[in-house]
Protein backbone atom coordinates (compact mmCIF):
# COMPACT_ATOMS: atom_id res chain seq x y z
CA MET A 1 13.55 3.27 -3.88
CA ALA A 2 14.28 4.14 -7.52
CA SER A 3 16.68 6.99 -6.38
CA GLU A 4 19.28 4.19 -5.12
CA GLN A 5 21.81 3.12 -7.69
CA PHE A 6 20.75 -0.08 -9.23
CA ASP A 7 22.09 -1.66 -12.15
CA LEU A 8 18.48 -2.61 -14.68
CA THR A 9 20.76 -4.48 -17.37
CA PRO A 10 19.20 -7.30 -16.61
CA ILE A 11 15.95 -6.25 -16.48
CA CYS A 12 15.79 -4.32 -19.50
CA LYS A 13 17.36 -7.29 -21.34
CA LYS A 14 14.35 -8.98 -21.04
CA TYR A 15 12.51 -6.23 -23.13
CA LYS A 16 12.01 -5.68 -26.82
CA ILE A 17 14.26 -2.13 -26.35
CA ARG A 18 17.65 -0.94 -26.40
CA THR A 19 18.52 1.13 -23.60
CA ILE A 20 19.71 4.39 -23.72
CA LYS A 21 20.06 6.63 -20.39
CA VAL A 22 18.62 5.39 -16.79
CA THR A 23 17.49 8.47 -14.50
CA PRO A 24 16.42 7.63 -10.97
CA LYS A 25 13.39 9.46 -9.87
CA ASP A 26 11.60 9.45 -6.52
CA ASP A 27 9.58 6.02 -6.87
CA PHE A 28 10.59 4.69 -10.55
CA TYR A 29 13.32 4.68 -13.12
CA LEU A 30 12.77 6.67 -16.13
CA ILE A 31 14.41 4.94 -19.12
CA GLU A 32 15.19 6.56 -22.59
CA THR A 33 14.98 3.40 -25.17
CA ASN A 34 15.04 3.13 -28.88
CA ARG A 35 10.95 2.64 -28.55
CA GLY A 36 10.23 6.11 -26.53
CA THR A 37 10.63 7.21 -22.74
CA LYS A 38 9.05 4.22 -20.30
CA GLU A 39 9.02 4.23 -16.48
CA MET A 40 10.33 1.04 -14.52
CA ARG A 41 8.53 0.40 -11.38
CA VAL A 42 10.21 -1.93 -8.55
CA TRP A 43 7.93 -3.73 -6.41
CA PRO A 44 9.10 -5.23 -2.90
CA ARG A 45 6.10 -7.32 -3.02
CA VAL A 46 5.32 -9.53 -6.06
CA ASP A 47 1.91 -10.30 -4.79
CA TYR A 48 0.62 -6.74 -5.14
CA MET A 49 2.47 -6.35 -8.53
CA ARG A 50 0.65 -9.27 -10.06
CA TRP A 51 -2.84 -8.12 -8.74
CA SER A 52 -2.14 -4.62 -9.90
CA PHE A 53 -1.22 -6.02 -13.51
CA SER A 54 -4.61 -8.07 -13.28
CA TRP A 55 -6.98 -5.44 -12.37
CA ARG A 56 -5.52 -3.23 -15.26
CA GLU A 57 -6.20 -5.89 -17.71
CA GLN A 58 -9.69 -6.50 -16.50
CA MET A 59 -10.45 -2.98 -16.99
CA VAL A 60 -8.99 -3.13 -20.93
CA LYS A 61 -11.15 -6.77 -21.27
CA ASN A 62 -13.93 -4.55 -19.93
CA GLY A 63 -13.41 -2.14 -22.61
CA GLN A 64 -11.98 0.71 -20.54
CA ARG A 65 -8.42 1.26 -22.25
CA ASN A 66 -7.25 4.82 -20.48
CA VAL A 67 -5.16 2.83 -17.85
CA GLU A 68 -1.62 2.56 -17.74
CA ARG A 69 -0.57 -1.00 -18.64
CA PHE A 70 2.40 -2.91 -17.96
CA ILE A 71 4.47 -3.47 -21.38
CA ARG A 72 5.26 -6.98 -21.99
CA THR A 73 8.95 -8.80 -22.41
CA LYS A 74 10.31 -10.91 -25.09
CA ASP A 75 8.62 -14.18 -23.93
CA SER A 76 5.25 -12.03 -23.13
CA LYS A 77 5.29 -11.97 -19.45
CA PRO A 78 3.64 -8.81 -18.36
CA TYR A 79 6.49 -8.20 -15.75
CA VAL A 80 9.96 -9.36 -14.41
CA ILE A 81 10.53 -11.06 -11.01
CA TYR A 82 14.01 -10.59 -10.47
CA SER A 83 15.82 -11.26 -6.94
CA ASN A 84 12.59 -12.10 -5.29
CA LYS A 85 11.16 -8.46 -6.41
CA GLY A 86 8.93 -7.34 -9.06
CA TYR A 87 9.67 -5.09 -11.94
CA SER A 88 7.20 -3.34 -14.20
CA LEU A 89 7.60 -0.97 -17.47
CA ILE A 90 5.05 1.36 -18.53
CA ASP A 91 4.91 4.19 -21.38
CA HIS A 92 5.99 7.44 -19.93
CA GLN A 93 3.29 9.83 -20.79
CA LYS A 94 5.57 12.64 -21.55
CA ASN A 95 2.77 15.20 -22.62
CA SER A 96 0.21 14.93 -20.35
CA GLU A 97 -1.18 17.50 -18.32
CA GLN A 98 -3.17 17.37 -14.96
CA VAL A 99 -7.26 16.76 -15.42
CA PRO A 100 -8.79 20.32 -15.54
CA LEU A 101 -11.03 20.87 -12.49
CA ILE A 102 -14.37 21.42 -14.01
CA PRO A 103 -17.33 18.80 -13.68
CA SER A 104 -17.36 17.26 -17.25
CA MET A 105 -14.18 15.90 -16.74
CA ILE A 106 -14.41 15.20 -12.92
CA LYS A 107 -17.78 12.63 -13.77
CA GLU A 108 -15.24 10.86 -16.14
CA CYS A 109 -12.91 10.16 -13.31
CA GLY A 110 -15.89 9.14 -11.28
CA ARG A 111 -16.89 7.03 -13.75
CA THR A 112 -13.46 5.41 -14.87
CA THR A 113 -13.08 4.93 -10.88
CA ALA A 114 -16.09 2.73 -10.77
CA TRP A 115 -14.83 0.95 -13.82
CA MET A 116 -11.60 0.34 -11.76
CA HIS A 117 -13.71 -0.88 -8.98
CA ILE A 118 -15.87 -3.32 -10.78
CA ALA A 119 -12.46 -4.61 -12.48
CA GLN A 120 -10.91 -5.11 -8.89
CA GLN A 121 -13.87 -7.15 -7.80
CA ALA A 122 -13.09 -9.43 -10.27
CA GLN A 123 -9.94 -10.47 -8.82
CA ASP A 124 -11.40 -12.57 -6.04
CA VAL A 125 -9.25 -10.96 -3.13
CA PRO A 126 -11.24 -11.77 -0.11
CA ILE A 127 -9.81 -9.48 2.57
CA GLY A 128 -12.13 -6.62 2.66
CA SER A 129 -13.71 -7.47 6.06
CA GLU A 130 -9.94 -7.87 7.13
CA LEU A 131 -9.07 -4.62 6.02
CA LEU A 132 -12.05 -2.71 7.28
CA ARG A 133 -11.24 -4.47 10.46
CA ARG A 134 -7.40 -2.65 10.45
CA GLU A 135 -8.83 0.46 9.57
CA GLN A 136 -11.26 0.82 12.42
CA GLU A 137 -8.07 -0.27 15.13
CA ARG A 138 -5.70 2.46 13.22
CA ILE A 139 -8.12 5.07 13.82
CA ASN A 140 -8.97 3.80 17.40
CA GLU A 141 -4.90 3.54 17.89
CA GLU A 142 -4.28 7.05 16.22
CA ILE A 143 -7.04 9.08 18.78
CA VAL A 144 -5.38 7.41 21.61
CA GLN A 145 -1.86 8.29 20.40
CA ALA A 146 -3.00 11.63 19.81
CA LYS A 147 -4.77 12.47 23.04
CA GLN A 148 -1.64 11.30 24.87
CA LYS A 149 0.61 13.52 23.02
CA ILE A 150 -1.51 16.23 23.67
CA ARG A 151 -1.48 15.48 27.53
CA GLU A 152 2.46 15.35 27.42
CA TRP A 153 2.77 18.64 25.30
CA GLN A 154 0.00 20.23 28.22
CA ILE A 155 2.33 19.44 30.98
CA GLY A 156 5.37 21.61 29.86
CA HIS A 157 2.89 24.44 28.79
CA GLN A 158 0.47 26.97 30.10
CA GLY A 159 -1.81 30.29 29.96
CA ASP A 160 -2.43 31.40 26.01
CA GLU A 161 -0.53 28.69 24.20
CA VAL A 162 -2.49 25.86 25.97
CA ALA A 163 -6.31 27.67 25.43
CA GLU A 164 -5.41 28.29 21.85
CA LEU A 165 -4.61 24.57 21.39
CA VAL A 166 -7.51 23.31 23.12
CA GLU A 167 -10.18 25.80 21.36
CA LEU A 168 -8.40 24.25 17.80
CA LEU A 169 -8.41 20.58 19.06
CA GLU A 170 -12.03 20.29 20.19
CA PRO A 171 -13.56 20.20 16.79
CA VAL A 172 -10.77 17.92 15.59
CA TRP A 173 -11.77 15.06 18.53
CA GLU A 174 -15.24 15.60 18.02
CA ARG A 175 -14.65 14.74 14.36
CA MET A 176 -12.17 12.04 15.32
CA GLU A 177 -14.50 10.34 17.43
CA ARG A 178 -17.36 10.81 14.96
CA SER A 179 -15.13 9.13 12.02
CA ALA A 180 -14.57 6.36 14.61
CA SER A 181 -18.28 5.53 15.90
CA LEU A 182 -19.09 5.71 11.79
CA LEU A 183 -16.54 2.99 11.26
CA ALA A 184 -17.43 0.70 13.84
CA ALA A 185 -21.25 1.05 13.02
CA ILE A 186 -20.37 0.20 9.53
CA SER A 187 -22.29 -3.79 8.68
CA LEU A 188 -21.56 -4.50 5.17
CA PRO A 189 -20.97 -8.27 4.43
CA GLU A 190 -17.94 -9.58 3.02
CA GLU A 191 -19.27 -9.66 -0.96
CA LEU A 192 -19.43 -6.08 -0.76
CA LEU A 193 -15.87 -5.35 0.90
CA HIS A 194 -13.63 -4.98 -2.13
CA VAL A 195 -9.75 -4.32 -1.79
CA THR A 196 -8.70 -1.44 -3.50
CA HIS A 197 -5.98 1.09 -3.08
CA LYS A 198 -5.97 3.14 0.25
CA GLU A 199 -5.89 6.61 -1.32
CA MET A 200 -6.04 8.39 -4.43
CA LEU A 201 -5.44 11.69 -5.21
CA LYS A 202 -5.48 14.47 -7.91
CA GLU A 203 -1.84 13.13 -9.05
CA ASN A 204 -3.67 9.79 -10.48
CA TRP A 205 -5.61 11.67 -13.14
CA ILE A 206 -4.17 13.18 -16.25
CA LEU A 207 -5.22 13.99 -19.93
CA VAL A 208 -3.92 12.06 -22.83
CA GLY A 209 -5.02 13.15 -25.88
CA ASN A 210 -7.88 15.35 -24.37
CA GLN A 211 -9.20 11.90 -22.64
CA VAL A 212 -9.15 11.32 -18.67
CA PHE A 213 -6.24 8.79 -18.32
CA LEU A 214 -5.78 7.19 -14.83
CA ARG A 215 -2.12 6.76 -13.73
CA GLY A 216 0.02 5.75 -10.68
CA PHE A 217 -0.70 3.05 -7.73
CA TYR A 218 2.68 1.44 -8.21
CA ARG A 219 3.34 1.17 -4.26
CA PRO A 220 0.05 0.49 -3.17
CA GLN A 221 -0.99 0.34 0.54
CA LEU A 222 -4.38 -1.78 0.20
CA SER A 223 -7.81 -0.89 2.11
CA VAL A 224 -11.84 -0.88 1.04
CA GLN A 225 -12.84 0.76 -2.06
CA GLN A 226 -14.68 3.43 -0.23
CA ARG A 227 -11.11 4.86 1.23
CA ASP A 228 -9.64 5.54 -1.92
CA THR A 229 -12.76 7.69 -3.11
CA ALA A 230 -12.89 9.31 0.08
CA SER A 231 -9.14 10.53 -0.22
CA TYR A 232 -10.15 12.29 -3.53
CA LEU A 233 -13.23 13.60 -2.37
CA ARG A 234 -11.71 14.88 0.73
CA GLN A 235 -9.19 16.58 -1.56
CA LEU A 236 -11.50 17.79 -3.84
CA ALA A 237 -13.54 19.20 -0.97
CA GLY A 238 -10.74 20.82 1.01
CA GLU A 239 -8.74 22.13 -1.68
CA GLU A 240 -11.34 23.38 -4.17
CA GLY A 241 -14.59 23.61 -2.14
CA ASN A 242 -16.48 23.47 -5.18
CA GLU A 243 -19.94 20.95 -4.36
CA GLN A 244 -20.49 20.53 -8.17
CA LEU A 245 -17.25 18.57 -8.55
CA ILE A 246 -18.31 16.42 -5.70
CA GLU A 247 -21.62 15.85 -7.44
CA ALA A 248 -20.11 15.38 -10.75
CA PHE A 249 -17.83 12.41 -9.37
CA LEU A 250 -20.74 10.72 -7.59
CA ASP A 251 -22.65 11.19 -10.68
CA GLY A 252 -20.06 9.51 -13.06
CA TYR A 253 -19.43 6.57 -10.14
CA GLU A 254 -23.03 5.43 -9.80
CA GLU A 255 -23.62 5.62 -13.84
CA GLN A 256 -21.47 2.53 -13.57
CA LYS A 257 -21.85 1.41 -9.97
CA GLN A 258 -24.44 2.22 -7.59
CA LEU A 259 -23.60 2.61 -4.02
CA SER A 260 -25.85 1.48 -1.17
CA TYR A 261 -26.80 3.51 2.02
CA GLU A 262 -24.18 1.23 4.34
CA GLU A 263 -21.55 1.91 1.33
CA TYR A 264 -21.95 5.91 1.22
CA LYS A 265 -21.96 5.69 5.50
CA LEU A 266 -18.55 4.02 4.78
CA LEU A 267 -17.46 7.03 2.71
CA LEU A 268 -18.78 9.47 5.03
CA ALA A 269 -16.98 7.71 7.78
CA PHE A 270 -13.61 7.85 6.00
CA MET A 271 -14.10 11.26 4.76
CA ALA A 272 -14.80 12.34 8.37
CA TYR A 273 -11.55 11.63 9.86
CA PRO A 274 -9.25 15.30 10.18
CA ARG A 275 -6.22 13.73 9.00
CA GLU A 276 -4.54 17.02 7.45
CA LEU A 277 -5.98 19.24 10.10
CA TRP A 278 -4.47 17.05 12.74
CA GLN A 279 -1.21 16.81 11.30
CA ALA A 280 -1.03 20.76 10.44
CA ILE A 281 -1.88 21.52 14.31
CA SER A 282 0.40 18.51 15.44
CA THR A 283 3.12 19.97 13.50
CA CYS A 284 2.69 23.49 14.52
CA PHE A 285 2.15 23.07 18.06
CA LEU A 286 3.50 19.80 19.43
CA THR A 287 7.15 20.58 17.48
CA ASP A 288 9.90 22.24 19.12
CA ASP A 289 9.56 26.17 17.63
CA GLY A 290 6.72 25.24 15.53
CA ILE A 291 4.26 27.51 17.59
CA ASN A 292 6.23 30.43 16.64
CA ASP A 293 6.70 29.59 12.92
CA GLN A 294 4.27 31.79 10.86
CA GLU A 295 4.06 29.57 8.28
CA LEU A 296 3.10 26.75 10.35
CA ARG A 297 0.64 29.29 11.85
CA ALA A 298 -0.90 30.03 8.57
CA ASN A 299 -0.93 26.24 7.35
CA VAL A 300 -3.17 25.95 10.30
CA GLN A 301 -5.82 28.14 9.59
CA LYS A 302 -6.02 26.99 5.73
CA MET A 303 -6.43 23.37 7.36
CA VAL A 304 -9.16 24.77 9.53
CA GLU A 305 -10.57 26.86 6.50
CA GLN A 306 -10.57 23.51 4.52
CA GLN A 307 -12.30 21.54 7.04
CA SER A 308 -14.80 23.76 7.05
CA CYS A 309 -15.78 22.97 3.42
CA ILE A 310 -15.09 19.35 3.93
CA ASP A 311 -17.63 19.39 6.88
CA HIS A 312 -20.14 20.88 4.46
CA THR A 313 -19.51 18.53 1.65
CA LEU A 314 -20.29 15.73 4.11
CA GLN A 315 -23.54 17.28 4.76
CA GLU A 316 -24.29 16.94 0.94
CA ILE A 317 -23.09 13.73 0.50
CA ALA A 318 -25.12 12.48 3.56
CA LYS A 319 -28.18 14.05 2.20
CA ARG A 320 -27.53 12.24 -1.15
CA ALA A 321 -27.28 9.00 0.45
CA GLU A 322 -30.54 9.89 2.46
CA GLN A 323 -32.19 10.35 -0.78
CA GLY A 324 -31.00 7.35 -2.74
CA ARG A 325 -32.54 5.64 0.53
CA VAL A 326 -35.83 6.79 0.11
CA LEU A 327 -36.09 5.89 -3.59
CA SER A 328 -34.31 2.26 -3.31
């Protein structure tokens, strides 16, 4: 989006800055100004931009300032609406670094995620049940499409290729269907199904002045709160395989916002879906020449190993949920 050539002059003039240079990046414009380097984001959906501004400011009102905030215009507006699109400006964190993957830092990520969720709950967007229903439908559709894709592929293949793929896919189907079954069984009331982003990753966490800082979420797809937490924990579990990091995140989160047993079940349902493994297998086996690509084959093996770490993490989180259920 941002890589397109676009004259930002009318938007930049709304701010108390003098523009020196504009550089299009993948999803934003990097702007050198007389007041430091800024990032300008373009929002195709103005309602998402307004929501994003609101929860960020709510976090600050709640005393949590380590989050990217929109810079106000000359007339004190937090964003610009121009030609039916939204534009927001933030400070560019030039000297930031990725958060170190150690328990103390990841625990702070957990706390900050809870603060973000609390701030988002205050925005009164009562569509959680609808978002969960869409997630349930999406996973069921993906399973049907995946099986159809495999059936079509098997028509033109036989022998060792088919046997190898079938052996890999059996645990994938099991995990897909378990995730769909868990999601279908969730019975949370609307007041506990709050809106957030569909995904949160390690890239959303940086260190600024030795403090954990939340960044990103400028092209959001919306889901329920357990979905973004699940995506981050899956990444940590698969890539790092360190249970202490998972425990630290959840400890930090629950210091600020307790998770009920049903919320844990929803978290586990999202984490159980083997999206990365299925994508790796699909890319390797179901594309022309993919099966002979050693790099793709190596990636499948890597995803299998990561899935094993994730499976173990799911068991540990389930134990934690059960312990909390007993204590409550």
